[in-house]
Amino acid sequence: MKYASKSLRTFIQDFHLTNPAGADCFNATIDFIVGGINIKIESEVHIVTSYPDKSGMVYLLSRDIRIDELPTMFEDGKESFEYIPNKNLRIEGVHHKAGNYVVFISPENAVVTY
C-alpha cells in the first residue's frame, strides 16, 4: 500500500480490506449522486494501491453500470477522494457524459448514514 493516499489507506485499514499484494476486492453498495438523482447499485470493488506515480485506483466491476453513462474507474488525485470514518469512501468528479457526480462506496455489512 505504499503508493495509496491517506484517505484510501485509512478506508482500507478501517474496513479490514488489506491485501499485502496491493490489490483489494470486496462487495459494496455504491451510491451515485448525479444531477440530484441517487442511483444505488451493488458491485464488487477492486482497489489497486501500488501503482507507481499514482495514489490509488478504484474500479467498479458491476455489469449494471453502463460505462458510457457512469464512471467505473476512479484515480485519487484526478478525482477527489475523501474517507468518511467508519462510513464510506466519497469520490467526487466529472464524467464526460454524466457531468458532475459524487460516489459513495460502502463495504458490505457497513451501516451508512448520510
C-alpha atoms as a PDB file:
ATOM      1  CA  MET A   1       0.000   0.000   0.000  1.00  0.00           C
ATOM      2  CA  LYS A   2       2.971   2.321  -0.221  1.00  0.00           C
ATOM      3  CA  TYR A   3       1.530   4.465  -3.039  1.00  0.00           C
ATOM      4  CA  ALA A   4      -2.019   4.920  -1.682  1.00  0.00           C
ATOM      5  CA  SER A   5      -3.213   8.301  -0.433  1.00  0.00           C
ATOM      6  CA  LYS A   6      -4.025   8.727   3.249  1.00  0.00           C
ATOM      7  CA  SER A   7      -7.799   8.724   2.561  1.00  0.00           C
ATOM      8  CA  LEU A   8      -7.603   5.445   0.677  1.00  0.00           C
ATOM      9  CA  ARG A   9      -5.198   3.829   3.162  1.00  0.00           C
ATOM     10  CA  THR A  10      -7.409   4.698   6.133  1.00  0.00           C
ATOM     11  CA  PHE A  11     -10.551   3.437   4.351  1.00  0.00           C
ATOM     12  CA  ILE A  12      -8.851   0.099   3.606  1.00  0.00           C
ATOM     13  CA  GLN A  13      -7.493  -0.245   7.158  1.00  0.00           C
ATOM     14  CA  ASP A  14     -10.720   0.716   8.965  1.00  0.00           C
ATOM     15  CA  PHE A  15     -12.788  -1.803   6.973  1.00  0.00           C
ATOM     16  CA  HIS A  16     -10.076  -4.517   7.149  1.00  0.00           C
ATOM     17  CA  LEU A  17      -9.753  -4.716   3.365  1.00  0.00           C
ATOM     18  CA  THR A  18      -5.971  -5.055   3.456  1.00  0.00           C
ATOM     19  CA  ASN A  19      -4.255  -7.320   0.976  1.00  0.00           C
ATOM     20  CA  PRO A  20      -0.445  -7.491   1.090  1.00  0.00           C
ATOM     21  CA  ALA A  21      -0.296  -7.861  -2.706  1.00  0.00           C
ATOM     22  CA  GLY A  22      -1.606  -4.307  -3.107  1.00  0.00           C
ATOM     23  CA  ALA A  23      -4.980  -5.167  -4.682  1.00  0.00           C
ATOM     24  CA  ASP A  24      -8.122  -5.238  -2.560  1.00  0.00           C
ATOM     25  CA  CYS A  25     -11.501  -6.666  -3.706  1.00  0.00           C
ATOM     26  CA  PHE A  26     -14.763  -6.545  -1.776  1.00  0.00           C
ATOM     27  CA  ASN A  27     -18.513  -6.265  -2.283  1.00  0.00           C
ATOM     28  CA  ALA A  28     -20.083  -2.883  -1.648  1.00  0.00           C
ATOM     29  CA  THR A  29     -23.134  -0.713  -2.069  1.00  0.00           C
ATOM     30  CA  ILE A  30     -22.436   2.122  -4.478  1.00  0.00           C
ATOM     31  CA  ASP A  31     -24.454   5.338  -4.394  1.00  0.00           C
ATOM     32  CA  PHE A  32     -24.038   7.593  -7.441  1.00  0.00           C
ATOM     33  CA  ILE A  33     -25.418  11.104  -6.991  1.00  0.00           C
ATOM     34  CA  VAL A  34     -25.774  12.599 -10.478  1.00  0.00           C
ATOM     35  CA  GLY A  35     -27.936  15.624 -11.268  1.00  0.00           C
ATOM     36  CA  GLY A  36     -29.726  15.330  -7.916  1.00  0.00           C
ATOM     37  CA  ILE A  37     -30.645  11.675  -8.579  1.00  0.00           C
ATOM     38  CA  ASN A  38     -29.337   8.838  -6.390  1.00  0.00           C
ATOM     39  CA  ILE A  39     -28.553   5.636  -8.303  1.00  0.00           C
ATOM     40  CA  LYS A  40     -27.873   2.730  -5.931  1.00  0.00           C
ATOM     41  CA  ILE A  41     -26.195  -0.471  -7.097  1.00  0.00           C
ATOM     42  CA  GLU A  42     -24.356  -3.438  -5.615  1.00  0.00           C
ATOM     43  CA  SER A  43     -20.903  -4.048  -7.046  1.00  0.00           C
ATOM     44  CA  GLU A  44     -17.617  -5.753  -6.484  1.00  0.00           C
ATOM     45  CA  VAL A  45     -14.969  -3.088  -5.944  1.00  0.00           C
ATOM     46  CA  HIS A  46     -11.309  -3.523  -6.810  1.00  0.00           C
ATOM     47  CA  ILE A  47      -8.765  -1.116  -5.299  1.00  0.00           C
ATOM     48  CA  VAL A  48      -5.190  -1.049  -6.557  1.00  0.00           C
ATOM     49  CA  THR A  49      -2.893   0.818  -4.210  1.00  0.00           C
ATOM     50  CA  SER A  50       0.561   0.066  -5.550  1.00  0.00           C
ATOM     51  CA  TYR A  51       0.619   1.815  -8.915  1.00  0.00           C
ATOM     52  CA  PRO A  52       3.841   3.796  -9.403  1.00  0.00           C
ATOM     53  CA  ASP A  53       3.162   7.547  -9.729  1.00  0.00           C
ATOM     54  CA  LYS A  54      -0.481   7.101  -8.682  1.00  0.00           C
ATOM     55  CA  SER A  55      -2.057   7.427  -5.260  1.00  0.00           C
ATOM     56  CA  GLY A  56      -4.713   4.747  -5.777  1.00  0.00           C
ATOM     57  CA  MET A  57      -7.118   3.389  -8.365  1.00  0.00           C
ATOM     58  CA  VAL A  58     -10.690   2.229  -7.669  1.00  0.00           C
ATOM     59  CA  TYR A  59     -12.614   0.063 -10.143  1.00  0.00           C
ATOM     60  CA  LEU A  60     -16.311  -0.848 -10.013  1.00  0.00           C
ATOM     61  CA  LEU A  61     -16.816  -4.292 -11.527  1.00  0.00           C
ATOM     62  CA  SER A  62     -20.635  -4.373 -11.788  1.00  0.00           C
ATOM     63  CA  ARG A  63     -22.247  -5.262 -15.097  1.00  0.00           C
ATOM     64  CA  ASP A  64     -25.143  -2.990 -14.051  1.00  0.00           C
ATOM     65  CA  ILE A  65     -23.094   0.116 -14.830  1.00  0.00           C
ATOM     66  CA  ARG A  66     -23.115   1.261 -18.437  1.00  0.00           C
ATOM     67  CA  ILE A  67     -19.595   2.569 -18.875  1.00  0.00           C
ATOM     68  CA  ASP A  68     -20.732   5.239 -21.346  1.00  0.00           C
ATOM     69  CA  GLU A  69     -23.162   6.729 -18.799  1.00  0.00           C
ATOM     70  CA  LEU A  70     -21.393   6.465 -15.435  1.00  0.00           C
ATOM     71  CA  PRO A  71     -17.723   6.152 -14.490  1.00  0.00           C
ATOM     72  CA  THR A  72     -16.366   2.769 -13.415  1.00  0.00           C
ATOM     73  CA  MET A  73     -12.763   3.800 -12.709  1.00  0.00           C
ATOM     74  CA  PHE A  74     -11.516   6.478 -10.330  1.00  0.00           C
ATOM     75  CA  GLU A  75      -7.991   7.756  -9.730  1.00  0.00           C
ATOM     76  CA  ASP A  76      -7.141   9.503  -6.482  1.00  0.00           C
ATOM     77  CA  GLY A  77      -5.760  12.897  -7.446  1.00  0.00           C
ATOM     78  CA  LYS A  78      -7.695  13.026 -10.706  1.00  0.00           C
ATOM     79  CA  GLU A  79     -10.947  12.675  -8.783  1.00  0.00           C
ATOM     80  CA  SER A  80     -11.357  13.926  -5.227  1.00  0.00           C
ATOM     81  CA  PHE A  81     -11.257  11.125  -2.613  1.00  0.00           C
ATOM     82  CA  GLU A  82     -12.462  11.628   0.945  1.00  0.00           C
ATOM     83  CA  TYR A  83     -12.827   8.962   3.608  1.00  0.00           C
ATOM     84  CA  ILE A  84     -15.758   9.470   5.954  1.00  0.00           C
ATOM     85  CA  PRO A  85     -14.601   7.497   9.019  1.00  0.00           C
ATOM     86  CA  ASN A  86     -16.357   4.164   9.504  1.00  0.00           C
ATOM     87  CA  LYS A  87     -18.967   5.012   6.862  1.00  0.00           C
ATOM     88  CA  ASN A  88     -17.698   5.125   3.280  1.00  0.00           C
ATOM     89  CA  LEU A  89     -15.305   6.403   0.676  1.00  0.00           C
ATOM     90  CA  ARG A  90     -16.600   9.529  -1.065  1.00  0.00           C
ATOM     91  CA  ILE A  91     -15.392  10.242  -4.599  1.00  0.00           C
ATOM     92  CA  GLU A  92     -16.244  13.416  -6.479  1.00  0.00           C
ATOM     93  CA  GLY A  93     -15.520  14.072 -10.120  1.00  0.00           C
ATOM     94  CA  VAL A  94     -16.767  14.933 -13.589  1.00  0.00           C
ATOM     95  CA  HIS A  95     -17.747  12.360 -16.215  1.00  0.00           C
ATOM     96  CA  HIS A  96     -17.810  13.204 -19.942  1.00  0.00           C
ATOM     97  CA  LYS A  97     -21.470  12.155 -20.249  1.00  0.00           C
ATOM     98  CA  ALA A  98     -22.969  12.259 -16.732  1.00  0.00           C
ATOM     99  CA  GLY A  99     -21.354  15.565 -15.730  1.00  0.00           C
ATOM    100  CA  ASN A 100     -20.611  16.263 -12.055  1.00  0.00           C
ATOM    101  CA  TYR A 101     -21.073  13.275  -9.764  1.00  0.00           C
ATOM    102  CA  VAL A 102     -20.479  12.090  -6.228  1.00  0.00           C
ATOM    103  CA  VAL A 103     -19.982   8.388  -5.465  1.00  0.00           C
ATOM    104  CA  PHE A 104     -20.200   6.778  -2.031  1.00  0.00           C
ATOM    105  CA  ILE A 105     -18.614   3.328  -1.696  1.00  0.00           C
ATOM    106  CA  SER A 106     -19.829   1.442   1.389  1.00  0.00           C
ATOM    107  CA  PRO A 107     -18.362  -2.010   2.021  1.00  0.00           C
ATOM    108  CA  GLU A 108     -20.881  -4.800   2.630  1.00  0.00           C
ATOM    109  CA  ASN A 109     -22.081  -5.141   6.224  1.00  0.00           C
ATOM    110  CA  ALA A 110     -21.331  -1.471   6.956  1.00  0.00           C
ATOM    111  CA  VAL A 111     -24.042   0.849   8.220  1.00  0.00           C
ATOM    112  CA  VAL A 112     -24.201   4.034   6.163  1.00  0.00           C
ATOM    113  CA  THR A 113     -25.919   7.273   7.123  1.00  0.00           C
ATOM    114  CA  TYR A 114     -25.743  10.433   5.049  1.00  0.00           C
END
